[in-house]
């Protein structure tokens, strides 16, 4: 494996602990909602 590497643990949470900031752009809010939508899988990560 080469190049830069990022590691995420169970303790890492999305920005603002999953609360959408309506001062964000739509593009960012949409990524936030899609990125935390694990339905129909069980979501053990974080809900928006």
ModelCIF file with pLDDT and N, C-alpha, C, O atoms, coordinates in Angstrom:
data_MODEL
#
_entry.id   MODEL 
#
_entity.id                         1 
_entity.type                       polymer 
_entity.pdbx_number_of_molecules   1 
#
_entity_poly.entity_id                      1 
_entity_poly.type                           'polypeptide(L)' 
_entity_poly.nstd_linkage                   no 
_entity_poly.nstd_monomer                   no 
_entity_poly.pdbx_seq_one_letter_code       
;(UNK)(UNK)(UNK)(UNK)(UNK)(UNK)(UNK)(UNK)(UNK)(UNK)(UNK)(UNK)(UNK)(UNK)(UNK)(UNK)
(UNK)(UNK)(UNK)(UNK)(UNK)(UNK)(UNK)(UNK)(UNK)(UNK)(UNK)(UNK)(UNK)(UNK)(UNK)(UNK)
(UNK)(UNK)(UNK)(UNK)(UNK)(UNK)(UNK)(UNK)(UNK)(UNK)(UNK)(UNK)(UNK)(UNK)(UNK)(UNK)
;
_entity_poly.pdbx_seq_one_letter_code_can   XXXXXXXXXXXXXXXXXXXXXXXXXXXXXXXXXXXXXXXXXXXXXXXX 
_entity_poly.pdbx_strand_id                 A 
#
loop_
_entity_poly_seq.entity_id 
_entity_poly_seq.num 
_entity_poly_seq.mon_id 
_entity_poly_seq.hetero 
1 1  UNK n 
1 2  UNK n 
1 3  UNK n 
1 4  UNK n 
1 5  UNK n 
1 6  UNK n 
1 7  UNK n 
1 8  UNK n 
1 9  UNK n 
1 10 UNK n 
1 11 UNK n 
1 12 UNK n 
1 13 UNK n 
1 14 UNK n 
1 15 UNK n 
1 16 UNK n 
1 17 UNK n 
1 18 UNK n 
1 19 UNK n 
1 20 UNK n 
1 21 UNK n 
1 22 UNK n 
1 23 UNK n 
1 24 UNK n 
1 25 UNK n 
1 26 UNK n 
1 27 UNK n 
1 28 UNK n 
1 29 UNK n 
1 30 UNK n 
1 31 UNK n 
1 32 UNK n 
1 33 UNK n 
1 34 UNK n 
1 35 UNK n 
1 36 UNK n 
1 37 UNK n 
1 38 UNK n 
1 39 UNK n 
1 40 UNK n 
1 41 UNK n 
1 42 UNK n 
1 43 UNK n 
1 44 UNK n 
1 45 UNK n 
1 46 UNK n 
1 47 UNK n 
1 48 UNK n 
#
_struct_asym.id          A 
_struct_asym.entity_id   1 
#
loop_
_ma_qa_metric.id 
_ma_qa_metric.mode 
_ma_qa_metric.name 
_ma_qa_metric.software_group_id 
_ma_qa_metric.type 
1 global pLDDT . pLDDT 
2 local  pLDDT . pLDDT 
#
_ma_qa_metric_global.metric_id      1 
_ma_qa_metric_global.metric_value   93.88 
_ma_qa_metric_global.model_id       1 
_ma_qa_metric_global.ordinal_id     1 
#
loop_
_ma_qa_metric_local.label_asym_id 
_ma_qa_metric_local.label_comp_id 
_ma_qa_metric_local.label_seq_id 
_ma_qa_metric_local.metric_id 
_ma_qa_metric_local.metric_value 
_ma_qa_metric_local.model_id 
_ma_qa_metric_local.ordinal_id 
A UNK 1  2 87.00 1 1  
A UNK 2  2 86.00 1 2  
A UNK 3  2 84.00 1 3  
A UNK 4  2 84.00 1 4  
A UNK 5  2 84.00 1 5  
A UNK 6  2 88.00 1 6  
A UNK 7  2 91.00 1 7  
A UNK 8  2 94.00 1 8  
A UNK 9  2 93.00 1 9  
A UNK 10 2 93.00 1 10 
A UNK 11 2 95.00 1 11 
A UNK 12 2 95.00 1 12 
A UNK 13 2 96.00 1 13 
A UNK 14 2 97.00 1 14 
A UNK 15 2 94.00 1 15 
A UNK 16 2 94.00 1 16 
A UNK 17 2 94.00 1 17 
A UNK 18 2 95.00 1 18 
A UNK 19 2 96.00 1 19 
A UNK 20 2 96.00 1 20 
A UNK 21 2 94.00 1 21 
A UNK 22 2 92.00 1 22 
A UNK 23 2 91.00 1 23 
A UNK 24 2 94.00 1 24 
A UNK 25 2 94.00 1 25 
A UNK 26 2 96.00 1 26 
A UNK 27 2 97.00 1 27 
A UNK 28 2 97.00 1 28 
A UNK 29 2 97.00 1 29 
A UNK 30 2 98.00 1 30 
A UNK 31 2 97.00 1 31 
A UNK 32 2 97.00 1 32 
A UNK 33 2 97.00 1 33 
A UNK 34 2 98.00 1 34 
A UNK 35 2 98.00 1 35 
A UNK 36 2 98.00 1 36 
A UNK 37 2 97.00 1 37 
A UNK 38 2 96.00 1 38 
A UNK 39 2 92.00 1 39 
A UNK 40 2 91.00 1 40 
A UNK 41 2 93.00 1 41 
A UNK 42 2 93.00 1 42 
A UNK 43 2 95.00 1 43 
A UNK 44 2 94.00 1 44 
A UNK 45 2 96.00 1 45 
A UNK 46 2 96.00 1 46 
A UNK 47 2 96.00 1 47 
A UNK 48 2 96.00 1 48 
#
loop_
_atom_site.group_PDB 
_atom_site.id 
_atom_site.type_symbol 
_atom_site.label_atom_id 
_atom_site.label_alt_id 
_atom_site.label_comp_id 
_atom_site.label_asym_id 
_atom_site.label_entity_id 
_atom_site.label_seq_id 
_atom_site.pdbx_PDB_ins_code 
_atom_site.Cartn_x 
_atom_site.Cartn_y 
_atom_site.Cartn_z 
_atom_site.occupancy 
_atom_site.B_iso_or_equiv 
_atom_site.pdbx_formal_charge 
_atom_site.auth_seq_id 
_atom_site.auth_comp_id 
_atom_site.auth_asym_id 
_atom_site.auth_atom_id 
_atom_site.pdbx_PDB_model_num 
ATOM 1   N N  . UNK A 1 1  ? 0.848   -1.182 0.000  1.00 87.00 ? 1  UNK A N  1 
ATOM 2   C CA . UNK A 1 1  ? 0.000   0.000  0.000  1.00 87.00 ? 1  UNK A CA 1 
ATOM 3   C C  . UNK A 1 1  ? 0.889   1.239  0.000  1.00 87.00 ? 1  UNK A C  1 
ATOM 4   O O  . UNK A 1 1  ? 1.856   1.327  0.756  1.00 87.00 ? 1  UNK A O  1 
ATOM 5   N N  . UNK A 1 2  ? 0.546   2.189  -0.856 1.00 86.00 ? 2  UNK A N  1 
ATOM 6   C CA . UNK A 1 2  ? 1.333   3.418  -0.969 1.00 86.00 ? 2  UNK A CA 1 
ATOM 7   C C  . UNK A 1 2  ? 0.423   4.632  -0.880 1.00 86.00 ? 2  UNK A C  1 
ATOM 8   O O  . UNK A 1 2  ? -0.801  4.501  -0.881 1.00 86.00 ? 2  UNK A O  1 
ATOM 9   N N  . UNK A 1 3  ? 1.017   5.800  -0.803 1.00 84.00 ? 3  UNK A N  1 
ATOM 10  C CA . UNK A 1 3  ? 0.243   7.042  -0.772 1.00 84.00 ? 3  UNK A CA 1 
ATOM 11  C C  . UNK A 1 3  ? -0.206  7.408  0.626  1.00 84.00 ? 3  UNK A C  1 
ATOM 12  O O  . UNK A 1 3  ? 0.076   6.705  1.596  1.00 84.00 ? 3  UNK A O  1 
ATOM 13  N N  . UNK A 1 4  ? -0.911  8.526  0.707  1.00 84.00 ? 4  UNK A N  1 
ATOM 14  C CA . UNK A 1 4  ? -1.399  8.996  2.009  1.00 84.00 ? 4  UNK A CA 1 
ATOM 15  C C  . UNK A 1 4  ? -2.508  8.083  2.505  1.00 84.00 ? 4  UNK A C  1 
ATOM 16  O O  . UNK A 1 4  ? -3.184  7.427  1.712  1.00 84.00 ? 4  UNK A O  1 
ATOM 17  N N  . UNK A 1 5  ? -2.693  8.043  3.810  1.00 84.00 ? 5  UNK A N  1 
ATOM 18  C CA . UNK A 1 5  ? -3.654  7.122  4.413  1.00 84.00 ? 5  UNK A CA 1 
ATOM 19  C C  . UNK A 1 5  ? -4.468  7.842  5.464  1.00 84.00 ? 5  UNK A C  1 
ATOM 20  O O  . UNK A 1 5  ? -3.937  8.619  6.258  1.00 84.00 ? 5  UNK A O  1 
ATOM 21  N N  . UNK A 1 6  ? -5.764  7.576  5.460  1.00 88.00 ? 6  UNK A N  1 
ATOM 22  C CA . UNK A 1 6  ? -6.663  8.112  6.481  1.00 88.00 ? 6  UNK A CA 1 
ATOM 23  C C  . UNK A 1 6  ? -7.283  6.942  7.228  1.00 88.00 ? 6  UNK A C  1 
ATOM 24  O O  . UNK A 1 6  ? -7.651  5.935  6.624  1.00 88.00 ? 6  UNK A O  1 
ATOM 25  N N  . UNK A 1 7  ? -7.396  7.079  8.541  1.00 91.00 ? 7  UNK A N  1 
ATOM 26  C CA . UNK A 1 7  ? -7.988  6.013  9.354  1.00 91.00 ? 7  UNK A CA 1 
ATOM 27  C C  . UNK A 1 7  ? -9.128  6.595  10.186 1.00 91.00 ? 7  UNK A C  1 
ATOM 28  O O  . UNK A 1 7  ? -8.978  7.645  10.810 1.00 91.00 ? 7  UNK A O  1 
ATOM 29  N N  . UNK A 1 8  ? -10.272 5.902  10.190 1.00 94.00 ? 8  UNK A N  1 
ATOM 30  C CA . UNK A 1 8  ? -11.429 6.313  10.983 1.00 94.00 ? 8  UNK A CA 1 
ATOM 31  C C  . UNK A 1 8  ? -11.752 5.234  12.011 1.00 94.00 ? 8  UNK A C  1 
ATOM 32  O O  . UNK A 1 8  ? -11.910 4.063  11.664 1.00 94.00 ? 8  UNK A O  1 
ATOM 33  N N  . UNK A 1 9  ? -11.849 5.630  13.267 1.00 93.00 ? 9  UNK A N  1 
ATOM 34  C CA . UNK A 1 9  ? -12.191 4.683  14.329 1.00 93.00 ? 9  UNK A CA 1 
ATOM 35  C C  . UNK A 1 9  ? -13.672 4.820  14.685 1.00 93.00 ? 9  UNK A C  1 
ATOM 36  O O  . UNK A 1 9  ? -14.375 5.677  14.149 1.00 93.00 ? 9  UNK A O  1 
ATOM 37  N N  . UNK A 1 10 ? -14.129 3.969  15.592 1.00 93.00 ? 10 UNK A N  1 
ATOM 38  C CA . UNK A 1 10 ? -15.523 4.043  16.046 1.00 93.00 ? 10 UNK A CA 1 
ATOM 39  C C  . UNK A 1 10 ? -15.802 5.352  16.777 1.00 93.00 ? 10 UNK A C  1 
ATOM 40  O O  . UNK A 1 10 ? -16.952 5.781  16.866 1.00 93.00 ? 10 UNK A O  1 
ATOM 41  N N  . UNK A 1 11 ? -14.760 5.985  17.298 1.00 95.00 ? 11 UNK A N  1 
ATOM 42  C CA . UNK A 1 11 ? -14.942 7.225  18.059 1.00 95.00 ? 11 UNK A CA 1 
ATOM 43  C C  . UNK A 1 11 ? -15.108 8.438  17.158 1.00 95.00 ? 11 UNK A C  1 
ATOM 44  O O  . UNK A 1 11 ? -15.587 9.479  17.607 1.00 95.00 ? 11 UNK A O  1 
ATOM 45  N N  . UNK A 1 12 ? -14.723 8.321  15.903 1.00 95.00 ? 12 UNK A N  1 
ATOM 46  C CA . UNK A 1 12 ? -14.844 9.450  14.980 1.00 95.00 ? 12 UNK A CA 1 
ATOM 47  C C  . UNK A 1 12 ? -16.294 9.653  14.585 1.00 95.00 ? 12 UNK A C  1 
ATOM 48  O O  . UNK A 1 12 ? -16.967 8.714  14.160 1.00 95.00 ? 12 UNK A O  1 
ATOM 49  N N  . UNK A 1 13 ? -16.777 10.887 14.727 1.00 96.00 ? 13 UNK A N  1 
ATOM 50  C CA . UNK A 1 13 ? -18.155 11.223 14.387 1.00 96.00 ? 13 UNK A CA 1 
ATOM 51  C C  . UNK A 1 13 ? -18.186 12.339 13.346 1.00 96.00 ? 13 UNK A C  1 
ATOM 52  O O  . UNK A 1 13 ? -17.230 13.106 13.231 1.00 96.00 ? 13 UNK A O  1 
ATOM 53  N N  . UNK A 1 14 ? -19.277 12.433 12.587 1.00 97.00 ? 14 UNK A N  1 
ATOM 54  C CA . UNK A 1 14 ? -19.385 13.502 11.596 1.00 97.00 ? 14 UNK A CA 1 
ATOM 55  C C  . UNK A 1 14 ? -19.401 14.879 12.259 1.00 97.00 ? 14 UNK A C  1 
ATOM 56  O O  . UNK A 1 14 ? -19.629 15.008 13.462 1.00 97.00 ? 14 UNK A O  1 
ATOM 57  N N  . UNK A 1 15 ? -19.157 15.881 11.458 1.00 94.00 ? 15 UNK A N  1 
ATOM 58  C CA . UNK A 1 15 ? -19.187 17.266 11.920 1.00 94.00 ? 15 UNK A CA 1 
ATOM 59  C C  . UNK A 1 15 ? -20.483 17.555 12.671 1.00 94.00 ? 15 UNK A C  1 
ATOM 60  O O  . UNK A 1 15 ? -21.553 17.070 12.303 1.00 94.00 ? 15 UNK A O  1 
ATOM 61  N N  . UNK A 1 16 ? -20.367 18.349 13.720 1.00 94.00 ? 16 UNK A N  1 
ATOM 62  C CA . UNK A 1 16 ? -21.539 18.804 14.478 1.00 94.00 ? 16 UNK A CA 1 
ATOM 63  C C  . UNK A 1 16 ? -22.305 17.636 15.097 1.00 94.00 ? 16 UNK A C  1 
ATOM 64  O O  . UNK A 1 16 ? -23.492 17.767 15.397 1.00 94.00 ? 16 UNK A O  1 
ATOM 65  N N  . UNK A 1 17 ? -21.638 16.493 15.290 1.00 94.00 ? 17 UNK A N  1 
ATOM 66  C CA . UNK A 1 17 ? -22.273 15.302 15.873 1.00 94.00 ? 17 UNK A CA 1 
ATOM 67  C C  . UNK A 1 17 ? -23.536 14.870 15.133 1.00 94.00 ? 17 UNK A C  1 
ATOM 68  O O  . UNK A 1 17 ? -24.458 14.313 15.730 1.00 94.00 ? 17 UNK A O  1 
ATOM 69  N N  . UNK A 1 18 ? -23.567 15.132 13.829 1.00 95.00 ? 18 UNK A N  1 
ATOM 70  C CA . UNK A 1 18 ? -24.696 14.679 13.025 1.00 95.00 ? 18 UNK A CA 1 
ATOM 71  C C  . UNK A 1 18 ? -25.819 15.688 12.862 1.00 95.00 ? 18 UNK A C  1 
ATOM 72  O O  . UNK A 1 18 ? -26.778 15.418 12.140 1.00 95.00 ? 18 UNK A O  1 
ATOM 73  N N  . UNK A 1 19 ? -25.730 16.834 13.505 1.00 96.00 ? 19 UNK A N  1 
ATOM 74  C CA . UNK A 1 19 ? -26.777 17.855 13.383 1.00 96.00 ? 19 UNK A CA 1 
ATOM 75  C C  . UNK A 1 19 ? -26.490 18.724 12.163 1.00 96.00 ? 19 UNK A C  1 
ATOM 76  O O  . UNK A 1 19 ? -25.411 19.304 12.044 1.00 96.00 ? 19 UNK A O  1 
ATOM 77  N N  . UNK A 1 20 ? -27.459 18.807 11.264 1.00 96.00 ? 20 UNK A N  1 
ATOM 78  C CA . UNK A 1 20 ? -27.318 19.602 10.044 1.00 96.00 ? 20 UNK A CA 1 
ATOM 79  C C  . UNK A 1 20 ? -27.333 21.085 10.396 1.00 96.00 ? 20 UNK A C  1 
ATOM 80  O O  . UNK A 1 20 ? -28.191 21.543 11.151 1.00 96.00 ? 20 UNK A O  1 
ATOM 81  N N  . UNK A 1 21 ? -26.391 21.822 9.854  1.00 94.00 ? 21 UNK A N  1 
ATOM 82  C CA . UNK A 1 21 ? -26.352 23.273 9.996  1.00 94.00 ? 21 UNK A CA 1 
ATOM 83  C C  . UNK A 1 21 ? -26.968 23.863 8.735  1.00 94.00 ? 21 UNK A C  1 
ATOM 84  O O  . UNK A 1 21 ? -26.428 23.689 7.643  1.00 94.00 ? 21 UNK A O  1 
ATOM 85  N N  . UNK A 1 22 ? -28.087 24.557 8.874  1.00 92.00 ? 22 UNK A N  1 
ATOM 86  C CA . UNK A 1 22 ? -28.787 25.076 7.705  1.00 92.00 ? 22 UNK A CA 1 
ATOM 87  C C  . UNK A 1 22 ? -28.097 26.293 7.093  1.00 92.00 ? 22 UNK A C  1 
ATOM 88  O O  . UNK A 1 22 ? -28.588 26.857 6.116  1.00 92.00 ? 22 UNK A O  1 
ATOM 89  N N  . UNK A 1 23 ? -26.969 26.698 7.658  1.00 91.00 ? 23 UNK A N  1 
ATOM 90  C CA . UNK A 1 23 ? -26.135 27.707 7.004  1.00 91.00 ? 23 UNK A CA 1 
ATOM 91  C C  . UNK A 1 23 ? -25.145 27.075 6.030  1.00 91.00 ? 23 UNK A C  1 
ATOM 92  O O  . UNK A 1 23 ? -24.395 27.780 5.355  1.00 91.00 ? 23 UNK A O  1 
ATOM 93  N N  . UNK A 1 24 ? -25.146 25.733 5.959  1.00 94.00 ? 24 UNK A N  1 
ATOM 94  C CA . UNK A 1 24 ? -24.322 25.041 4.971  1.00 94.00 ? 24 UNK A CA 1 
ATOM 95  C C  . UNK A 1 24 ? -24.950 25.161 3.593  1.00 94.00 ? 24 UNK A C  1 
ATOM 96  O O  . UNK A 1 24 ? -26.117 25.531 3.464  1.00 94.00 ? 24 UNK A O  1 
ATOM 97  N N  . UNK A 1 25 ? -24.164 24.845 2.554  1.00 94.00 ? 25 UNK A N  1 
ATOM 98  C CA . UNK A 1 25 ? -24.691 24.774 1.197  1.00 94.00 ? 25 UNK A CA 1 
ATOM 99  C C  . UNK A 1 25 ? -25.561 23.536 1.040  1.00 94.00 ? 25 UNK A C  1 
ATOM 100 O O  . UNK A 1 25 ? -25.470 22.595 1.828  1.00 94.00 ? 25 UNK A O  1 
ATOM 101 N N  . UNK A 1 26 ? -26.417 23.548 0.002  1.00 96.00 ? 26 UNK A N  1 
ATOM 102 C CA . UNK A 1 26 ? -27.241 22.365 -0.246 1.00 96.00 ? 26 UNK A CA 1 
ATOM 103 C C  . UNK A 1 26 ? -26.371 21.160 -0.550 1.00 96.00 ? 26 UNK A C  1 
ATOM 104 O O  . UNK A 1 26 ? -26.663 20.054 -0.095 1.00 96.00 ? 26 UNK A O  1 
ATOM 105 N N  . UNK A 1 27 ? -25.297 21.363 -1.319 1.00 97.00 ? 27 UNK A N  1 
ATOM 106 C CA . UNK A 1 27 ? -24.424 20.257 -1.689 1.00 97.00 ? 27 UNK A CA 1 
ATOM 107 C C  . UNK A 1 27 ? -23.869 19.566 -0.448 1.00 97.00 ? 27 UNK A C  1 
ATOM 108 O O  . UNK A 1 27 ? -23.821 18.338 -0.388 1.00 97.00 ? 27 UNK A O  1 
ATOM 109 N N  . UNK A 1 28 ? -23.455 20.346 0.533  1.00 97.00 ? 28 UNK A N  1 
ATOM 110 C CA . UNK A 1 28 ? -22.911 19.762 1.757  1.00 97.00 ? 28 UNK A CA 1 
ATOM 111 C C  . UNK A 1 28 ? -23.997 19.076 2.578  1.00 97.00 ? 28 UNK A C  1 
ATOM 112 O O  . UNK A 1 28 ? -23.770 17.992 3.116  1.00 97.00 ? 28 UNK A O  1 
ATOM 113 N N  . UNK A 1 29 ? -25.167 19.689 2.679  1.00 97.00 ? 29 UNK A N  1 
ATOM 114 C CA . UNK A 1 29 ? -26.271 19.081 3.426  1.00 97.00 ? 29 UNK A CA 1 
ATOM 115 C C  . UNK A 1 29 ? -26.685 17.765 2.772  1.00 97.00 ? 29 UNK A C  1 
ATOM 116 O O  . UNK A 1 29 ? -26.945 16.776 3.457  1.00 97.00 ? 29 UNK A O  1 
ATOM 117 N N  . UNK A 1 30 ? -26.742 17.763 1.445  1.00 98.00 ? 30 UNK A N  1 
ATOM 118 C CA . UNK A 1 30 ? -27.130 16.556 0.725  1.00 98.00 ? 30 UNK A CA 1 
ATOM 119 C C  . UNK A 1 30 ? -26.115 15.431 0.937  1.00 98.00 ? 30 UNK A C  1 
ATOM 120 O O  . UNK A 1 30 ? -26.497 14.276 1.120  1.00 98.00 ? 30 UNK A O  1 
ATOM 121 N N  . UNK A 1 31 ? -24.824 15.768 0.912  1.00 97.00 ? 31 UNK A N  1 
ATOM 122 C CA . UNK A 1 31 ? -23.792 14.763 1.203  1.00 97.00 ? 31 UNK A CA 1 
ATOM 123 C C  . UNK A 1 31 ? -23.949 14.231 2.621  1.00 97.00 ? 31 UNK A C  1 
ATOM 124 O O  . UNK A 1 31 ? -23.790 13.035 2.869  1.00 97.00 ? 31 UNK A O  1 
ATOM 125 N N  . UNK A 1 32 ? -24.260 15.126 3.540  1.00 97.00 ? 32 UNK A N  1 
ATOM 126 C CA . UNK A 1 32 ? -24.428 14.774 4.950  1.00 97.00 ? 32 UNK A CA 1 
ATOM 127 C C  . UNK A 1 32 ? -25.584 13.785 5.109  1.00 97.00 ? 32 UNK A C  1 
ATOM 128 O O  . UNK A 1 32 ? -25.447 12.766 5.787  1.00 97.00 ? 32 UNK A O  1 
ATOM 129 N N  . UNK A 1 33 ? -26.721 14.090 4.482  1.00 97.00 ? 33 UNK A N  1 
ATOM 130 C CA . UNK A 1 33 ? -27.903 13.225 4.581  1.00 97.00 ? 33 UNK A CA 1 
ATOM 131 C C  . UNK A 1 33 ? -27.634 11.883 3.912  1.00 97.00 ? 33 UNK A C  1 
ATOM 132 O O  . UNK A 1 33 ? -27.941 10.835 4.481  1.00 97.00 ? 33 UNK A O  1 
ATOM 133 N N  . UNK A 1 34 ? -27.066 11.903 2.711  1.00 98.00 ? 34 UNK A N  1 
ATOM 134 C CA . UNK A 1 34 ? -26.786 10.644 2.001  1.00 98.00 ? 34 UNK A CA 1 
ATOM 135 C C  . UNK A 1 34 ? -25.711 9.825  2.718  1.00 98.00 ? 34 UNK A C  1 
ATOM 136 O O  . UNK A 1 34 ? -25.803 8.599  2.789  1.00 98.00 ? 34 UNK A O  1 
ATOM 137 N N  . UNK A 1 35 ? -24.697 10.506 3.245  1.00 98.00 ? 35 UNK A N  1 
ATOM 138 C CA . UNK A 1 35 ? -23.596 9.818  3.899  1.00 98.00 ? 35 UNK A CA 1 
ATOM 139 C C  . UNK A 1 35 ? -23.978 9.158  5.209  1.00 98.00 ? 35 UNK A C  1 
ATOM 140 O O  . UNK A 1 35 ? -23.283 8.254  5.672  1.00 98.00 ? 35 UNK A O  1 
ATOM 141 N N  . UNK A 1 36 ? -25.071 9.596  5.814  1.00 98.00 ? 36 UNK A N  1 
ATOM 142 C CA . UNK A 1 36 ? -25.515 8.997  7.074  1.00 98.00 ? 36 UNK A CA 1 
ATOM 143 C C  . UNK A 1 36 ? -26.788 8.172  6.912  1.00 98.00 ? 36 UNK A C  1 
ATOM 144 O O  . UNK A 1 36 ? -27.395 7.747  7.894  1.00 98.00 ? 36 UNK A O  1 
ATOM 145 N N  . UNK A 1 37 ? -27.185 7.952  5.654  1.00 97.00 ? 37 UNK A N  1 
ATOM 146 C CA . UNK A 1 37 ? -28.368 7.135  5.368  1.00 97.00 ? 37 UNK A CA 1 
ATOM 147 C C  . UNK A 1 37 ? -27.919 5.703  5.097  1.00 97.00 ? 37 UNK A C  1 
ATOM 148 O O  . UNK A 1 37 ? -27.469 5.381  3.997  1.00 97.00 ? 37 UNK A O  1 
ATOM 149 N N  . UNK A 1 38 ? -28.043 4.859  6.094  1.00 96.00 ? 38 UNK A N  1 
ATOM 150 C CA . UNK A 1 38 ? -27.666 3.450  5.983  1.00 96.00 ? 38 UNK A CA 1 
ATOM 151 C C  . UNK A 1 38 ? -28.875 2.529  5.856  1.00 96.00 ? 38 UNK A C  1 
ATOM 152 O O  . UNK A 1 38 ? -28.724 1.307  5.845  1.00 96.00 ? 38 UNK A O  1 
ATOM 153 N N  . UNK A 1 39 ? -30.066 3.098  5.760  1.00 92.00 ? 39 UNK A N  1 
ATOM 154 C CA . UNK A 1 39 ? -31.290 2.303  5.636  1.00 92.00 ? 39 UNK A CA 1 
ATOM 155 C C  . UNK A 1 39 ? -31.256 1.518  4.327  1.00 92.00 ? 39 UNK A C  1 
ATOM 156 O O  . UNK A 1 39 ? -30.938 2.095  3.287  1.00 92.00 ? 39 UNK A O  1 
ATOM 157 N N  . UNK A 1 40 ? -31.577 0.207  4.341  1.00 91.00 ? 40 UNK A N  1 
ATOM 158 C CA . UNK A 1 40 ? -32.214 -0.578 5.403  1.00 91.00 ? 40 UNK A CA 1 
ATOM 159 C C  . UNK A 1 40 ? -31.228 -1.297 6.325  1.00 91.00 ? 40 UNK A C  1 
ATOM 160 O O  . UNK A 1 40 ? -31.648 -2.109 7.149  1.00 91.00 ? 40 UNK A O  1 
ATOM 161 N N  . UNK A 1 41 ? -29.918 -1.016 6.206  1.00 93.00 ? 41 UNK A N  1 
ATOM 162 C CA . UNK A 1 41 ? -28.963 -1.615 7.139  1.00 93.00 ? 41 UNK A CA 1 
ATOM 163 C C  . UNK A 1 41 ? -29.091 -0.949 8.511  1.00 93.00 ? 41 UNK A C  1 
ATOM 164 O O  . UNK A 1 41 ? -29.583 0.174  8.618  1.00 93.00 ? 41 UNK A O  1 
ATOM 165 N N  . UNK A 1 42 ? -28.652 -1.637 9.541  1.00 93.00 ? 42 UNK A N  1 
ATOM 166 C CA . UNK A 1 42 ? -28.652 -1.060 10.881 1.00 93.00 ? 42 UNK A CA 1 
ATOM 167 C C  . UNK A 1 42 ? -27.615 0.051  10.939 1.00 93.00 ? 42 UNK A C  1 
ATOM 168 O O  . UNK A 1 42 ? -26.478 -0.127 10.500 1.00 93.00 ? 42 UNK A O  1 
ATOM 169 N N  . UNK A 1 43 ? -28.009 1.195  11.480 1.00 95.00 ? 43 UNK A N  1 
ATOM 170 C CA . UNK A 1 43 ? -27.101 2.339  11.582 1.00 95.00 ? 43 UNK A CA 1 
ATOM 171 C C  . UNK A 1 43 ? -26.515 2.387  12.992 1.00 95.00 ? 43 UNK A C  1 
ATOM 172 O O  . UNK A 1 43 ? -27.175 2.816  13.939 1.00 95.00 ? 43 UNK A O  1 
ATOM 173 N N  . UNK A 1 44 ? -25.259 1.937  13.116 1.00 94.00 ? 44 UNK A N  1 
ATOM 174 C CA . UNK A 1 44 ? -24.561 2.003  14.397 1.00 94.00 ? 44 UNK A CA 1 
ATOM 175 C C  . UNK A 1 44 ? -23.576 3.166  14.418 1.00 94.00 ? 44 UNK A C  1 
ATOM 176 O O  . UNK A 1 44 ? -22.782 3.305  15.348 1.00 94.00 ? 44 UNK A O  1 
ATOM 177 N N  . UNK A 1 45 ? -23.637 3.988  13.395 1.00 96.00 ? 45 UNK A N  1 
ATOM 178 C CA . UNK A 1 45 ? -22.697 5.092  13.250 1.00 96.00 ? 45 UNK A CA 1 
ATOM 179 C C  . UNK A 1 45 ? -23.302 6.379  13.789 1.00 96.00 ? 45 UNK A C  1 
ATOM 180 O O  . UNK A 1 45 ? -23.011 6.770  14.920 1.00 96.00 ? 45 UNK A O  1 
ATOM 181 N N  . UNK A 1 46 ? -24.139 7.042  12.999 1.00 96.00 ? 46 UNK A N  1 
ATOM 182 C CA . UNK A 1 46 ? -24.712 8.331  13.396 1.00 96.00 ? 46 UNK A CA 1 
ATOM 183 C C  . UNK A 1 46 ? -25.866 8.656  12.462 1.00 96.00 ? 46 UNK A C  1 
ATOM 184 O O  . UNK A 1 46 ? -25.775 8.427  11.256 1.00 96.00 ? 46 UNK A O  1 
ATOM 185 N N  . UNK A 1 47 ? -26.950 9.188  13.011 1.00 96.00 ? 47 UNK A N  1 
ATOM 186 C CA . UNK A 1 47 ? -28.067 9.635  12.181 1.00 96.00 ? 47 UNK A CA 1 
ATOM 187 C C  . UNK A 1 47 ? -27.961 11.139 11.950 1.00 96.00 ? 47 UNK A C  1 
ATOM 188 O O  . UNK A 1 47 ? -27.550 11.869 12.852 1.00 96.00 ? 47 UNK A O  1 
ATOM 189 N N  . UNK A 1 48 ? -28.324 11.616 10.756 1.00 96.00 ? 48 UNK A N  1 
ATOM 190 C CA . UNK A 1 48 ? -28.387 13.061 10.554 1.00 96.00 ? 48 UNK A CA 1 
ATOM 191 C C  . UNK A 1 48 ? -29.630 13.610 11.247 1.00 96.00 ? 48 UNK A C  1 
ATOM 192 O O  . UNK A 1 48 ? -29.880 14.815 11.203 1.00 96.00 ? 48 UNK A O  1 
#
